[in-house]
Amino acid sequence: MQGDEMKALRKAAGMSQAELGAAIGMSQKFIGMMERGDAAIEKRTELAVRYVVQDDPGRFAKTVAELVRRVRPEDIPEIRALLAYRIEQEAG
C-alpha cells in the first residue's frame, strides 16, 4: 500500500487522520507521515487500515490471522486497538 491509497481509503470511509489513527493504535501525525510517503506503511498496518475502512467481517479473520503470524512485542498495541475497534463496532 502506498500513502495515496491509504489517504483515498481513509477519505472514502469519511474518517479523519486522527480517527483512523485511534482505530489502529497510531497517532494522527504518523498517519499523515505515511500518507505523504514520509514513513513506510508496514504490511500489518495496511491490513489494519483495510479492515477499519472497509469494515468487512470476512476480512477481520484474515487480518487477525495475518497479524498473529507476524506478531512481535511492538505489534501488541496495534492488535489491541484493532480488536477494541471491532468490539465497539459490533456493540453498535
PDB file of N, CA and C in Angstrom:
ATOM      1  N   MET A   1       0.850  -1.177   0.000  1.00  0.00           N
ATOM      2  CA  MET A   1       0.000   0.000   0.000  1.00  0.00           C
ATOM      3  C   MET A   1       0.893   1.236   0.000  1.00  0.00           C
ATOM      4  N   GLN A   2       0.514   2.200  -0.799  1.00  0.00           N
ATOM      5  CA  GLN A   2       1.212   3.483  -0.850  1.00  0.00           C
ATOM      6  C   GLN A   2       0.385   4.524  -0.090  1.00  0.00           C
ATOM      7  N   GLY A   3       1.003   5.627   0.244  1.00  0.00           N
ATOM      8  CA  GLY A   3       0.351   6.672   1.011  1.00  0.00           C
ATOM      9  C   GLY A   3      -0.890   7.239   0.364  1.00  0.00           C
ATOM     10  N   ASP A   4      -0.843   7.414  -0.962  1.00  0.00           N
ATOM     11  CA  ASP A   4      -2.010   7.974  -1.638  1.00  0.00           C
ATOM     12  C   ASP A   4      -3.210   7.038  -1.576  1.00  0.00           C
ATOM     13  N   GLU A   5      -2.944   5.717  -1.604  1.00  0.00           N
ATOM     14  CA  GLU A   5      -4.042   4.753  -1.485  1.00  0.00           C
ATOM     15  C   GLU A   5      -4.619   4.781  -0.071  1.00  0.00           C
ATOM     16  N   MET A   6      -3.745   4.863   0.927  1.00  0.00           N
ATOM     17  CA  MET A   6      -4.222   4.943   2.308  1.00  0.00           C
ATOM     18  C   MET A   6      -5.110   6.167   2.491  1.00  0.00           C
ATOM     19  N   LYS A   7      -4.671   7.293   1.966  1.00  0.00           N
ATOM     20  CA  LYS A   7      -5.437   8.533   2.090  1.00  0.00           C
ATOM     21  C   LYS A   7      -6.788   8.404   1.397  1.00  0.00           C
ATOM     22  N   ALA A   8      -6.795   7.821   0.203  1.00  0.00           N
ATOM     23  CA  ALA A   8      -8.046   7.661  -0.545  1.00  0.00           C
ATOM     24  C   ALA A   8      -9.021   6.755   0.216  1.00  0.00           C
ATOM     25  N   LEU A   9      -8.521   5.660   0.780  1.00  0.00           N
ATOM     26  CA  LEU A   9      -9.379   4.755   1.548  1.00  0.00           C
ATOM     27  C   LEU A   9      -9.934   5.451   2.784  1.00  0.00           C
ATOM     28  N   ARG A  10      -9.072   6.188   3.470  1.00  0.00           N
ATOM     29  CA  ARG A  10      -9.499   6.905   4.683  1.00  0.00           C
ATOM     30  C   ARG A  10     -10.583   7.915   4.353  1.00  0.00           C
ATOM     31  N   LYS A  11     -10.356   8.697   3.298  1.00  0.00           N
ATOM     32  CA  LYS A  11     -11.333   9.719   2.919  1.00  0.00           C
ATOM     33  C   LYS A  11     -12.648   9.089   2.464  1.00  0.00           C
ATOM     34  N   ALA A  12     -12.565   7.993   1.712  1.00  0.00           N
ATOM     35  CA  ALA A  12     -13.781   7.310   1.258  1.00  0.00           C
ATOM     36  C   ALA A  12     -14.597   6.794   2.439  1.00  0.00           C
ATOM     37  N   ALA A  13     -13.914   6.462   3.531  1.00  0.00           N
ATOM     38  CA  ALA A  13     -14.602   5.992   4.736  1.00  0.00           C
ATOM     39  C   ALA A  13     -15.102   7.153   5.589  1.00  0.00           C
ATOM     40  N   GLY A  14     -14.772   8.387   5.186  1.00  0.00           N
ATOM     41  CA  GLY A  14     -15.217   9.558   5.928  1.00  0.00           C
ATOM     42  C   GLY A  14     -14.508   9.737   7.261  1.00  0.00           C
ATOM     43  N   MET A  15     -13.264   9.280   7.341  1.00  0.00           N
ATOM     44  CA  MET A  15     -12.515   9.348   8.594  1.00  0.00           C
ATOM     45  C   MET A  15     -11.430  10.415   8.510  1.00  0.00           C
ATOM     46  N   SER A  16     -11.160  11.031   9.644  1.00  0.00           N
ATOM     47  CA  SER A  16     -10.025  11.952   9.738  1.00  0.00           C
ATOM     48  C   SER A  16      -8.766  11.123  10.008  1.00  0.00           C
ATOM     49  N   GLN A  17      -7.623  11.759   9.871  1.00  0.00           N
ATOM     50  CA  GLN A  17      -6.381  11.066  10.212  1.00  0.00           C
ATOM     51  C   GLN A  17      -6.389  10.658  11.679  1.00  0.00           C
ATOM     52  N   ALA A  18      -6.906  11.509  12.532  1.00  0.00           N
ATOM     53  CA  ALA A  18      -6.965  11.213  13.964  1.00  0.00           C
ATOM     54  C   ALA A  18      -7.871  10.007  14.235  1.00  0.00           C
ATOM     55  N   GLU A  19      -9.013   9.936  13.556  1.00  0.00           N
ATOM     56  CA  GLU A  19      -9.941   8.811  13.752  1.00  0.00           C
ATOM     57  C   GLU A  19      -9.310   7.498  13.289  1.00  0.00           C
ATOM     58  N   LEU A  20      -8.668   7.528  12.126  1.00  0.00           N
ATOM     59  CA  LEU A  20      -8.017   6.317  11.635  1.00  0.00           C
ATOM     60  C   LEU A  20      -6.891   5.914  12.580  1.00  0.00           C
ATOM     61  N   GLY A  21      -6.112   6.883  13.005  1.00  0.00           N
ATOM     62  CA  GLY A  21      -5.034   6.591  13.940  1.00  0.00           C
ATOM     63  C   GLY A  21      -5.535   5.955  15.220  1.00  0.00           C
ATOM     64  N   ALA A  22      -6.604   6.498  15.773  1.00  0.00           N
ATOM     65  CA  ALA A  22      -7.177   5.940  17.005  1.00  0.00           C
ATOM     66  C   ALA A  22      -7.670   4.510  16.782  1.00  0.00           C
ATOM     67  N   ALA A  23      -8.230   4.249  15.622  1.00  0.00           N
ATOM     68  CA  ALA A  23      -8.773   2.923  15.332  1.00  0.00           C
ATOM     69  C   ALA A  23      -7.688   1.866  15.184  1.00  0.00           C
ATOM     70  N   ILE A  24      -6.483   2.275  14.773  1.00  0.00           N
ATOM     71  CA  ILE A  24      -5.423   1.289  14.567  1.00  0.00           C
ATOM     72  C   ILE A  24      -4.253   1.463  15.534  1.00  0.00           C
ATOM     73  N   GLY A  25      -4.400   2.346  16.504  1.00  0.00           N
ATOM     74  CA  GLY A  25      -3.374   2.492  17.523  1.00  0.00           C
ATOM     75  C   GLY A  25      -2.169   3.302  17.113  1.00  0.00           C
ATOM     76  N   MET A  26      -2.373   4.290  16.259  1.00  0.00           N
ATOM     77  CA  MET A  26      -1.282   5.157  15.809  1.00  0.00           C
ATOM     78  C   MET A  26      -1.693   6.614  15.960  1.00  0.00           C
ATOM     79  N   SER A  27      -0.719   7.483  15.964  1.00  0.00           N
ATOM     80  CA  SER A  27      -1.012   8.903  16.104  1.00  0.00           C
ATOM     81  C   SER A  27      -1.461   9.503  14.774  1.00  0.00           C
ATOM     82  N   GLN A  28      -2.186  10.617  14.870  1.00  0.00           N
ATOM     83  CA  GLN A  28      -2.594  11.351  13.675  1.00  0.00           C
ATOM     84  C   GLN A  28      -1.354  11.791  12.903  1.00  0.00           C
ATOM     85  N   LYS A  29      -0.326  12.194  13.608  1.00  0.00           N
ATOM     86  CA  LYS A  29       0.910  12.643  12.961  1.00  0.00           C
ATOM     87  C   LYS A  29       1.525  11.532  12.117  1.00  0.00           C
ATOM     88  N   PHE A  30       1.561  10.321  12.660  1.00  0.00           N
ATOM     89  CA  PHE A  30       2.155   9.215  11.915  1.00  0.00           C
ATOM     90  C   PHE A  30       1.297   8.818  10.721  1.00  0.00           C
ATOM     91  N   ILE A  31      -0.024   8.883  10.867  1.00  0.00           N
ATOM     92  CA  ILE A  31      -0.906   8.616   9.719  1.00  0.00           C
ATOM     93  C   ILE A  31      -0.580   9.604   8.598  1.00  0.00           C
ATOM     94  N   GLY A  32      -0.449  10.879   8.952  1.00  0.00           N
ATOM     95  CA  GLY A  32      -0.097  11.895   7.962  1.00  0.00           C
ATOM     96  C   GLY A  32       1.240  11.618   7.306  1.00  0.00           C
ATOM     97  N   MET A  33       2.220  11.195   8.094  1.00  0.00           N
ATOM     98  CA  MET A  33       3.540  10.878   7.545  1.00  0.00           C
ATOM     99  C   MET A  33       3.452   9.731   6.544  1.00  0.00           C
ATOM    100  N   MET A  34       2.665   8.709   6.867  1.00  0.00           N
ATOM    101  CA  MET A  34       2.515   7.585   5.936  1.00  0.00           C
ATOM    102  C   MET A  34       1.794   8.023   4.671  1.00  0.00           C
ATOM    103  N   GLU A  35       0.753   8.829   4.814  1.00  0.00           N
ATOM    104  CA  GLU A  35       0.010   9.288   3.630  1.00  0.00           C
ATOM    105  C   GLU A  35       0.884  10.137   2.702  1.00  0.00           C
ATOM    106  N   ARG A  36       1.795  10.903   3.279  1.00  0.00           N
ATOM    107  CA  ARG A  36       2.694  11.741   2.462  1.00  0.00           C
ATOM    108  C   ARG A  36       3.885  10.974   1.913  1.00  0.00           C
ATOM    109  N   GLY A  37       4.081   9.742   2.381  1.00  0.00           N
ATOM    110  CA  GLY A  37       5.224   8.961   1.946  1.00  0.00           C
ATOM    111  C   GLY A  37       6.474   9.220   2.764  1.00  0.00           C
ATOM    112  N   ASP A  38       6.324   9.905   3.891  1.00  0.00           N
ATOM    113  CA  ASP A  38       7.462  10.193   4.756  1.00  0.00           C
ATOM    114  C   ASP A  38       7.782   9.042   5.708  1.00  0.00           C
ATOM    115  N   ALA A  39       6.887   8.076   5.816  1.00  0.00           N
ATOM    116  CA  ALA A  39       7.094   6.893   6.649  1.00  0.00           C
ATOM    117  C   ALA A  39       6.540   5.683   5.896  1.00  0.00           C
ATOM    118  N   ALA A  40       7.222   4.565   6.041  1.00  0.00           N
ATOM    119  CA  ALA A  40       6.788   3.336   5.372  1.00  0.00           C
ATOM    120  C   ALA A  40       5.503   2.803   5.998  1.00  0.00           C
ATOM    121  N   ILE A  41       4.686   2.169   5.180  1.00  0.00           N
ATOM    122  CA  ILE A  41       3.463   1.517   5.655  1.00  0.00           C
ATOM    123  C   ILE A  41       3.751   0.022   5.707  1.00  0.00           C
ATOM    124  N   GLU A  42       3.847  -0.515   6.912  1.00  0.00           N
ATOM    125  CA  GLU A  42       4.124  -1.935   7.075  1.00  0.00           C
ATOM    126  C   GLU A  42       2.885  -2.758   6.709  1.00  0.00           C
ATOM    127  N   LYS A  43       3.116  -4.021   6.391  1.00  0.00           N
ATOM    128  CA  LYS A  43       2.022  -4.911   5.995  1.00  0.00           C
ATOM    129  C   LYS A  43       0.950  -4.992   7.074  1.00  0.00           C
ATOM    130  N   ARG A  44       1.366  -5.103   8.330  1.00  0.00           N
ATOM    131  CA  ARG A  44       0.370  -5.209   9.408  1.00  0.00           C
ATOM    132  C   ARG A  44      -0.469  -3.944   9.506  1.00  0.00           C
ATOM    133  N   THR A  45       0.141  -2.780   9.221  1.00  0.00           N
ATOM    134  CA  THR A  45      -0.610  -1.521   9.236  1.00  0.00           C
ATOM    135  C   THR A  45      -1.579  -1.485   8.068  1.00  0.00           C
ATOM    136  N   GLU A  46      -1.126  -1.919   6.896  1.00  0.00           N
ATOM    137  CA  GLU A  46      -2.018  -1.977   5.734  1.00  0.00           C
ATOM    138  C   GLU A  46      -3.227  -2.851   6.032  1.00  0.00           C
ATOM    139  N   LEU A  47      -3.001  -4.006   6.636  1.00  0.00           N
ATOM    140  CA  LEU A  47      -4.110  -4.910   6.954  1.00  0.00           C
ATOM    141  C   LEU A  47      -5.094  -4.250   7.916  1.00  0.00           C
ATOM    142  N   ALA A  48      -4.564  -3.590   8.930  1.00  0.00           N
ATOM    143  CA  ALA A  48      -5.428  -2.922   9.905  1.00  0.00           C
ATOM    144  C   ALA A  48      -6.225  -1.807   9.245  1.00  0.00           C
ATOM    145  N   VAL A  49      -5.584  -1.018   8.401  1.00  0.00           N
ATOM    146  CA  VAL A  49      -6.273   0.080   7.708  1.00  0.00           C
ATOM    147  C   VAL A  49      -7.378  -0.467   6.819  1.00  0.00           C
ATOM    148  N   ARG A  50      -7.051  -1.477   6.033  1.00  0.00           N
ATOM    149  CA  ARG A  50      -8.066  -2.050   5.133  1.00  0.00           C
ATOM    150  C   ARG A  50      -9.257  -2.593   5.914  1.00  0.00           C
ATOM    151  N   TYR A  51      -8.985  -3.222   7.039  1.00  0.00           N
ATOM    152  CA  TYR A  51     -10.090  -3.723   7.853  1.00  0.00           C
ATOM    153  C   TYR A  51     -10.952  -2.577   8.376  1.00  0.00           C
ATOM    154  N   VAL A  52     -10.317  -1.574   8.950  1.00  0.00           N
ATOM    155  CA  VAL A  52     -11.057  -0.478   9.582  1.00  0.00           C
ATOM    156  C   VAL A  52     -11.885   0.290   8.568  1.00  0.00           C
ATOM    157  N   VAL A  53     -11.326   0.614   7.435  1.00  0.00           N
ATOM    158  CA  VAL A  53     -12.064   1.445   6.478  1.00  0.00           C
ATOM    159  C   VAL A  53     -13.116   0.655   5.715  1.00  0.00           C
ATOM    160  N   GLN A  54     -12.920  -0.622   5.545  1.00  0.00           N
ATOM    161  CA  GLN A  54     -13.891  -1.422   4.797  1.00  0.00           C
ATOM    162  C   GLN A  54     -14.878  -2.118   5.713  1.00  0.00           C
ATOM    163  N   ASP A  55     -14.481  -2.350   6.956  1.00  0.00           N
ATOM    164  CA  ASP A  55     -15.345  -3.000   7.945  1.00  0.00           C
ATOM    165  C   ASP A  55     -16.015  -4.237   7.383  1.00  0.00           C
ATOM    166  N   ASP A  56     -15.221  -5.069   6.742  1.00  0.00           N
ATOM    167  CA  ASP A  56     -15.696  -6.319   6.156  1.00  0.00           C
ATOM    168  C   ASP A  56     -15.451  -7.449   7.152  1.00  0.00           C
ATOM    169  N   PRO A  57     -16.506  -8.069   7.711  1.00  0.00           N
ATOM    170  CA  PRO A  57     -16.318  -9.116   8.711  1.00  0.00           C
ATOM    171  C   PRO A  57     -15.446 -10.272   8.225  1.00  0.00           C
ATOM    172  N   GLY A  58     -15.550 -10.627   6.953  1.00  0.00           N
ATOM    173  CA  GLY A  58     -14.717 -11.710   6.418  1.00  0.00           C
ATOM    174  C   GLY A  58     -13.247 -11.356   6.428  1.00  0.00           C
ATOM    175  N   ARG A  59     -12.955 -10.096   6.227  1.00  0.00           N
ATOM    176  CA  ARG A  59     -11.565  -9.650   6.213  1.00  0.00           C
ATOM    177  C   ARG A  59     -10.994  -9.624   7.630  1.00  0.00           C
ATOM    178  N   PHE A  60     -11.849  -9.467   8.628  1.00  0.00           N
ATOM    179  CA  PHE A  60     -11.372  -9.397  10.010  1.00  0.00           C
ATOM    180  C   PHE A  60     -10.582 -10.641  10.382  1.00  0.00           C
ATOM    181  N   ALA A  61     -11.125 -11.812  10.093  1.00  0.00           N
ATOM    182  CA  ALA A  61     -10.437 -13.057  10.438  1.00  0.00           C
ATOM    183  C   ALA A  61      -9.099 -13.147   9.723  1.00  0.00           C
ATOM    184  N   LYS A  62      -9.068 -12.761   8.462  1.00  0.00           N
ATOM    185  CA  LYS A  62      -7.816 -12.785   7.709  1.00  0.00           C
ATOM    186  C   LYS A  62      -6.822 -11.795   8.296  1.00  0.00           C
ATOM    187  N   THR A  63      -7.309 -10.623   8.685  1.00  0.00           N
ATOM    188  CA  THR A  63      -6.437  -9.602   9.260  1.00  0.00           C
ATOM    189  C   THR A  63      -5.819 -10.097  10.552  1.00  0.00           C
ATOM    190  N   VAL A  64      -6.631 -10.652  11.425  1.00  0.00           N
ATOM    191  CA  VAL A  64      -6.125 -11.154  12.706  1.00  0.00           C
ATOM    192  C   VAL A  64      -5.149 -12.308  12.464  1.00  0.00           C
ATOM    193  N   ALA A  65      -5.491 -13.218  11.582  1.00  0.00           N
ATOM    194  CA  ALA A  65      -4.603 -14.350  11.298  1.00  0.00           C
ATOM    195  C   ALA A  65      -3.257 -13.865  10.772  1.00  0.00           C
ATOM    196  N   GLU A  66      -3.282 -12.909   9.890  1.00  0.00           N
ATOM    197  CA  GLU A  66      -2.042 -12.363   9.334  1.00  0.00           C
ATOM    198  C   GLU A  66      -1.221 -11.677  10.424  1.00  0.00           C
ATOM    199  N   LEU A  67      -1.872 -10.914  11.281  1.00  0.00           N
ATOM    200  CA  LEU A  67      -1.159 -10.240  12.365  1.00  0.00           C
ATOM    201  C   LEU A  67      -0.562 -11.245  13.347  1.00  0.00           C
ATOM    202  N   VAL A  68      -1.307 -12.299  13.659  1.00  0.00           N
ATOM    203  CA  VAL A  68      -0.816 -13.296  14.604  1.00  0.00           C
ATOM    204  C   VAL A  68       0.418 -14.011  14.046  1.00  0.00           C
ATOM    205  N   ARG A  69       0.417 -14.307  12.776  1.00  0.00           N
ATOM    206  CA  ARG A  69       1.579 -14.955  12.168  1.00  0.00           C
ATOM    207  C   ARG A  69       2.830 -14.079  12.251  1.00  0.00           C
ATOM    208  N   ARG A  70       2.648 -12.789  12.262  1.00  0.00           N
ATOM    209  CA  ARG A  70       3.782 -11.873  12.242  1.00  0.00           C
ATOM    210  C   ARG A  70       3.993 -11.142  13.567  1.00  0.00           C
ATOM    211  N   VAL A  71       3.283 -11.543  14.597  1.00  0.00           N
ATOM    212  CA  VAL A  71       3.276 -10.779  15.844  1.00  0.00           C
ATOM    213  C   VAL A  71       4.679 -10.655  16.457  1.00  0.00           C
ATOM    214  N   ARG A  72       4.942  -9.447  16.873  1.00  0.00           N
ATOM    215  CA  ARG A  72       6.157  -9.110  17.600  1.00  0.00           C
ATOM    216  C   ARG A  72       5.707  -8.288  18.798  1.00  0.00           C
ATOM    217  N   PRO A  73       6.515  -8.170  19.824  1.00  0.00           N
ATOM    218  CA  PRO A  73       6.084  -7.407  21.001  1.00  0.00           C
ATOM    219  C   PRO A  73       5.587  -6.000  20.663  1.00  0.00           C
ATOM    220  N   GLU A  74       6.219  -5.349  19.718  1.00  0.00           N
ATOM    221  CA  GLU A  74       5.799  -3.991  19.366  1.00  0.00           C
ATOM    222  C   GLU A  74       4.467  -3.951  18.604  1.00  0.00           C
ATOM    223  N   ASP A  75       3.972  -5.105  18.187  1.00  0.00           N
ATOM    224  CA  ASP A  75       2.688  -5.179  17.484  1.00  0.00           C
ATOM    225  C   ASP A  75       1.492  -5.174  18.430  1.00  0.00           C
ATOM    226  N   ILE A  76       1.710  -5.483  19.691  1.00  0.00           N
ATOM    227  CA  ILE A  76       0.617  -5.671  20.637  1.00  0.00           C
ATOM    228  C   ILE A  76      -0.330  -4.467  20.711  1.00  0.00           C
ATOM    229  N   PRO A  77       0.160  -3.211  20.804  1.00  0.00           N
ATOM    230  CA  PRO A  77      -0.777  -2.078  20.861  1.00  0.00           C
ATOM    231  C   PRO A  77      -1.677  -1.982  19.617  1.00  0.00           C
ATOM    232  N   GLU A  78      -1.119  -2.266  18.459  1.00  0.00           N
ATOM    233  CA  GLU A  78      -1.909  -2.206  17.229  1.00  0.00           C
ATOM    234  C   GLU A  78      -2.983  -3.295  17.221  1.00  0.00           C
ATOM    235  N   ILE A  79      -2.636  -4.480  17.660  1.00  0.00           N
ATOM    236  CA  ILE A  79      -3.603  -5.575  17.717  1.00  0.00           C
ATOM    237  C   ILE A  79      -4.713  -5.247  18.713  1.00  0.00           C
ATOM    238  N   ARG A  80      -4.334  -4.717  19.864  1.00  0.00           N
ATOM    239  CA  ARG A  80      -5.341  -4.323  20.858  1.00  0.00           C
ATOM    240  C   ARG A  80      -6.304  -3.286  20.290  1.00  0.00           C
ATOM    241  N   ALA A  81      -5.753  -2.297  19.597  1.00  0.00           N
ATOM    242  CA  ALA A  81      -6.598  -1.241  19.030  1.00  0.00           C
ATOM    243  C   ALA A  81      -7.552  -1.815  17.987  1.00  0.00           C
ATOM    244  N   LEU A  82      -7.067  -2.710  17.153  1.00  0.00           N
ATOM    245  CA  LEU A  82      -7.899  -3.315  16.122  1.00  0.00           C
ATOM    246  C   LEU A  82      -9.029  -4.131  16.751  1.00  0.00           C
ATOM    247  N   LEU A  83      -8.706  -4.925  17.767  1.00  0.00           N
ATOM    248  CA  LEU A  83      -9.737  -5.720  18.439  1.00  0.00           C
ATOM    249  C   LEU A  83     -10.739  -4.832  19.167  1.00  0.00           C
ATOM    250  N   ALA A  84     -10.259  -3.789  19.824  1.00  0.00           N
ATOM    251  CA  ALA A  84     -11.165  -2.870  20.525  1.00  0.00           C
ATOM    252  C   ALA A  84     -12.110  -2.189  19.542  1.00  0.00           C
ATOM    253  N   TYR A  85     -11.595  -1.802  18.384  1.00  0.00           N
ATOM    254  CA  TYR A  85     -12.425  -1.177  17.363  1.00  0.00           C
ATOM    255  C   TYR A  85     -13.516  -2.141  16.913  1.00  0.00           C
ATOM    256  N   ARG A  86     -13.142  -3.388  16.673  1.00  0.00           N
ATOM    257  CA  ARG A  86     -14.117  -4.383  16.199  1.00  0.00           C
ATOM    258  C   ARG A  86     -15.199  -4.622  17.258  1.00  0.00           C
ATOM    259  N   ILE A  87     -14.803  -4.741  18.506  1.00  0.00           N
ATOM    260  CA  ILE A  87     -15.757  -4.966  19.576  1.00  0.00           C
ATOM    261  C   ILE A  87     -16.719  -3.776  19.689  1.00  0.00           C
ATOM    262  N   GLU A  88     -16.177  -2.571  19.567  1.00  0.00           N
ATOM    263  CA  GLU A  88     -17.001  -1.367  19.629  1.00  0.00           C
ATOM    264  C   GLU A  88     -17.999  -1.327  18.475  1.00  0.00           C
ATOM    265  N   GLN A  89     -17.558  -1.712  17.281  1.00  0.00           N
ATOM    266  CA  GLN A  89     -18.439  -1.714  16.110  1.00  0.00           C
ATOM    267  C   GLN A  89     -19.559  -2.730  16.277  1.00  0.00           C
ATOM    268  N   GLU A  90     -19.238  -3.889  16.815  1.00  0.00           N
ATOM    269  CA  GLU A  90     -20.258  -4.912  16.997  1.00  0.00           C
ATOM    270  C   GLU A  90     -21.247  -4.557  18.089  1.00  0.00           C
ATOM    271  N   ALA A  91     -20.777  -3.804  19.087  1.00  0.00           N
ATOM    272  CA  ALA A  91     -21.670  -3.387  20.177  1.00  0.00           C
ATOM    273  C   ALA A  91     -22.639  -2.315  19.704  1.00  0.00           C
ATOM    274  N   GLY A  92     -22.203  -1.625  18.650  1.00  0.00           N
ATOM    275  CA  GLY A  92     -23.003  -0.670  17.948  1.00  0.00           C
ATOM    276  C   GLY A  92     -23.585   0.442  18.642  1.00  0.00           C
TER     277      GLY A  92
END
